[in-house]
């Protein structure tokens, strides 16, 4: 594989930021539609409005299309993503490999991360009633009240650390793997589009 003598010049940071904002708005549209459906489903007995399975693959698919044909923000602002080493479009097989690794690590992290053991609404109401009963039972004995409340909270406390650490470790490991694969296989750079690549102006002859 041949490389250029000098590294390609990156596009201005302002252009990159604007293109990123436009792409983020486009990517947020499916999530906004799903949130609207979930909001409408509230109050409907038995409905949970779970996100569809295809949303998990949306980011890798968008990354492949963005590197190969460009993104809406990139076309509007006039920037594109290239191989940092050659200044040309990234080989399709490299883009697909990186996307598949990202998808695989995401699915693996989700499988290895246990679901948080959060109390249900009914359990929270039951515990609130127990606390009120303890307060009524020991209303005339402050020391006994504090002792009993501490015992109750210690018995029903939630292990917050157990809920936080597994997804945090899985997320960090996934990010390190994806970063290593990206850096070794397909390092990218955002550059300005050449004049020939810019969409033709409607006023041009």
Protein backbone atom coordinates (compact mmCIF):
# COMPACT_ATOMS: atom_id res chain seq x y z
CA UNK A 1 0.00 0.00 0.00
CA UNK A 2 1.49 3.33 -1.01
CA UNK A 3 1.43 6.31 1.32
CA UNK A 4 1.65 10.02 0.69
CA UNK A 5 4.85 11.96 1.42
CA UNK A 6 3.12 14.24 3.89
CA UNK A 7 0.24 13.68 6.21
CA UNK A 8 -3.08 15.13 4.96
CA UNK A 9 -4.08 18.49 6.39
CA UNK A 10 -7.04 18.25 8.77
CA UNK A 11 -10.12 20.35 8.17
CA UNK A 12 -10.70 23.38 10.43
CA UNK A 13 -11.97 22.41 13.85
CA UNK A 14 -15.00 24.64 13.47
CA UNK A 15 -16.05 22.77 10.33
CA UNK A 16 -15.52 19.43 12.02
CA UNK A 17 -17.57 20.50 15.04
CA UNK A 18 -20.43 21.79 12.88
CA UNK A 19 -20.49 18.60 10.82
CA UNK A 20 -20.51 16.56 14.04
CA UNK A 21 -23.45 18.53 15.42
CA UNK A 22 -25.46 17.98 12.23
CA UNK A 23 -24.69 14.26 12.25
CA UNK A 24 -25.60 14.00 15.94
CA UNK A 25 -28.96 15.63 15.24
CA UNK A 26 -29.61 13.16 12.42
CA UNK A 27 -28.58 10.20 14.58
CA UNK A 28 -30.76 11.42 17.45
CA UNK A 29 -33.90 11.34 15.30
CA UNK A 30 -34.60 7.58 15.72
CA UNK A 31 -34.03 7.87 19.47
CA UNK A 32 -36.43 10.81 19.66
CA UNK A 33 -39.08 8.84 17.76
CA UNK A 34 -38.61 5.89 20.13
CA UNK A 35 -38.87 8.16 23.18
CA UNK A 36 -42.11 9.59 21.80
CA UNK A 37 -43.52 6.09 21.38
CA UNK A 38 -42.46 5.17 24.92
CA UNK A 39 -44.13 8.32 26.26
CA UNK A 40 -47.35 7.49 24.46
CA UNK A 41 -47.20 3.95 25.83
CA UNK A 42 -47.14 5.21 29.42
CA UNK A 43 -50.29 4.35 31.24
CA UNK A 44 -51.12 1.53 28.84
CA UNK A 45 -51.34 -1.60 30.93
CA UNK A 46 -48.82 -4.24 29.97
CA UNK A 47 -46.93 -2.12 27.42
CA UNK A 48 -43.21 -1.50 27.84
CA UNK A 49 -42.26 0.16 24.52
CA UNK A 50 -38.88 -1.54 24.33
CA UNK A 51 -36.41 -0.14 21.76
CA UNK A 52 -36.26 -2.24 18.58
CA UNK A 53 -33.26 -4.50 18.07
CA UNK A 54 -32.05 -2.67 14.98
CA UNK A 55 -31.20 0.44 17.02
CA UNK A 56 -28.19 -1.38 18.50
CA UNK A 57 -26.64 -1.69 15.03
CA UNK A 58 -27.46 1.87 13.99
CA UNK A 59 -24.13 3.41 15.08
CA UNK A 60 -21.86 0.84 13.31
CA UNK A 61 -23.91 1.07 10.12
CA UNK A 62 -23.77 4.87 10.21
CA UNK A 63 -20.00 4.71 10.75
CA UNK A 64 -19.53 2.49 7.68
CA UNK A 65 -21.65 4.75 5.48
CA UNK A 66 -19.94 7.85 6.87
CA UNK A 67 -16.45 6.61 6.05
CA UNK A 68 -17.38 5.28 2.62
CA UNK A 69 -19.84 7.81 1.18
CA UNK A 70 -19.86 10.61 3.74
CA UNK A 71 -22.30 11.91 6.33
CA UNK A 72 -25.04 14.54 6.05
CA UNK A 73 -22.98 16.93 8.13
CA UNK A 74 -19.86 16.25 6.08
CA UNK A 75 -21.63 16.95 2.78
CA UNK A 76 -23.25 20.12 4.08
CA UNK A 77 -20.10 21.57 5.65
CA UNK A 78 -17.69 20.23 3.03
CA UNK A 79 -15.55 17.74 4.97
CA UNK A 80 -14.89 14.03 4.64
CA UNK A 81 -13.16 11.22 6.54
CA UNK A 82 -10.01 9.71 5.00
CA UNK A 83 -7.25 7.30 5.94
CA UNK A 84 -4.71 9.30 7.93
CA UNK A 85 -1.83 7.41 6.35
CA UNK A 86 -2.82 7.79 2.69
CA UNK A 87 -5.21 10.72 2.50
CA UNK A 88 -7.63 8.57 0.52
CA UNK A 89 -10.89 6.86 1.35
CA UNK A 90 -10.52 4.02 3.81
CA UNK A 91 -10.63 0.56 2.27
CA UNK A 92 -14.07 -0.97 2.63
CA UNK A 93 -12.79 -4.13 4.31
CA UNK A 94 -11.03 -2.06 6.96
CA UNK A 95 -14.17 -0.06 7.70
CA UNK A 96 -16.28 -3.22 7.89
CA UNK A 97 -13.78 -4.93 10.21
CA UNK A 98 -13.74 -1.99 12.62
CA UNK A 99 -17.55 -1.81 12.60
CA UNK A 100 -17.90 -5.55 13.26
CA UNK A 101 -15.44 -5.36 16.16
CA UNK A 102 -17.39 -2.45 17.66
CA UNK A 103 -20.66 -4.33 17.33
CA UNK A 104 -19.17 -7.53 18.78
CA UNK A 105 -17.64 -5.78 21.80
CA UNK A 106 -20.92 -3.97 22.46
CA UNK A 107 -22.91 -7.21 22.38
CA UNK A 108 -20.33 -9.00 24.53
CA UNK A 109 -20.28 -6.20 27.10
CA UNK A 110 -24.07 -6.31 27.27
CA UNK A 111 -24.02 -10.09 27.80
CA UNK A 112 -21.37 -9.91 30.53
CA UNK A 113 -22.99 -7.02 32.39
CA UNK A 114 -25.58 -8.19 34.94
CA UNK A 115 -28.84 -6.34 35.15
CA UNK A 116 -28.99 -3.93 38.11
CA UNK A 117 -30.92 -5.27 41.06
CA UNK A 118 -33.19 -2.29 41.55
CA UNK A 119 -36.25 -2.60 43.80
CA UNK A 120 -39.61 -2.52 42.12
CA UNK A 121 -42.23 0.15 42.76
CA UNK A 122 -44.15 -2.24 44.99
CA UNK A 123 -41.04 -3.02 47.04
CA UNK A 124 -40.30 0.68 47.51
CA UNK A 125 -43.84 1.32 48.74
CA UNK A 126 -43.60 -1.64 51.11
CA UNK A 127 -40.35 -0.38 52.59
CA UNK A 128 -41.82 3.10 53.02
CA UNK A 129 -44.73 1.59 54.95
CA UNK A 130 -42.29 -0.36 57.13
CA UNK A 131 -40.39 2.84 57.94
CA UNK A 132 -43.61 4.62 58.89
CA UNK A 133 -44.58 1.66 61.10
CA UNK A 134 -41.21 1.80 62.86
CA UNK A 135 -41.60 5.52 63.48
CA UNK A 136 -45.03 4.98 64.99
CA UNK A 137 -43.87 2.04 67.11
CA UNK A 138 -40.91 3.92 68.62
CA UNK A 139 -42.36 7.43 68.62
CA UNK A 140 -41.62 7.84 72.36
CA UNK A 141 -38.12 6.35 72.30
CA UNK A 142 -35.68 8.28 70.10
CA UNK A 143 -32.71 5.99 70.73
CA UNK A 144 -34.68 2.85 69.92
CA UNK A 145 -36.13 4.57 66.85
CA UNK A 146 -32.70 5.42 65.44
CA UNK A 147 -31.39 1.92 66.20
CA UNK A 148 -34.34 0.25 64.50
CA UNK A 149 -34.17 2.54 61.46
CA UNK A 150 -30.44 1.85 61.03
CA UNK A 151 -31.12 -1.88 61.27
CA UNK A 152 -33.90 -1.59 58.69
CA UNK A 153 -31.80 0.43 56.22
CA UNK A 154 -28.81 -1.92 56.63
CA UNK A 155 -31.04 -4.90 55.94
CA UNK A 156 -32.59 -3.44 52.79
CA UNK A 157 -29.74 -1.34 51.44
CA UNK A 158 -28.91 -1.72 47.74
CA UNK A 159 -25.36 -2.62 46.73
CA UNK A 160 -24.69 0.39 44.50
CA UNK A 161 -21.10 -0.63 43.80
CA UNK A 162 -22.19 -4.00 42.43
CA UNK A 163 -24.51 -2.21 39.98
CA UNK A 164 -21.95 0.37 38.83
CA UNK A 165 -18.68 -1.49 38.43
CA UNK A 166 -19.65 -4.23 35.91
CA UNK A 167 -20.93 -1.86 33.18
CA UNK A 168 -18.07 0.57 33.87
CA UNK A 169 -15.39 -2.11 33.47
CA UNK A 170 -17.13 -3.56 30.41
CA UNK A 171 -17.39 -0.10 28.82
CA UNK A 172 -13.72 0.75 29.43
CA UNK A 173 -12.56 -2.63 28.07
CA UNK A 174 -14.76 -2.25 25.00
CA UNK A 175 -13.44 1.27 24.35
CA UNK A 176 -9.80 0.12 24.64
CA UNK A 177 -10.35 -2.75 22.20
CA UNK A 178 -12.14 -0.53 19.68
CA UNK A 179 -9.48 2.17 19.96
CA UNK A 180 -6.65 -0.30 19.43
CA UNK A 181 -8.31 -1.86 16.38
CA UNK A 182 -9.09 1.55 14.93
CA UNK A 183 -5.58 2.89 15.44
CA UNK A 184 -3.86 -0.16 13.97
CA UNK A 185 -6.23 -0.95 11.13
CA UNK A 186 -7.93 2.25 10.00
CA UNK A 187 -6.73 5.52 11.55
CA UNK A 188 -8.93 8.35 10.31
CA UNK A 189 -8.63 12.04 9.69
CA UNK A 190 -11.29 14.60 8.75
CA UNK A 191 -10.18 16.79 5.86
CA UNK A 192 -11.80 19.41 3.65
CA UNK A 193 -13.35 18.15 0.44
CA UNK A 194 -11.58 19.02 -2.80
CA UNK A 195 -13.43 21.47 -5.09
CA UNK A 196 -14.23 18.62 -7.47
CA UNK A 197 -15.93 16.76 -4.62
CA UNK A 198 -18.15 19.66 -3.57
CA UNK A 199 -21.79 19.48 -4.68
CA UNK A 200 -22.43 21.72 -7.67
CA UNK A 201 -24.02 25.09 -6.96
CA UNK A 202 -27.43 25.68 -8.57
CA UNK A 203 -26.16 29.07 -9.84
CA UNK A 204 -23.02 27.67 -11.45
CA UNK A 205 -22.98 27.52 -15.29
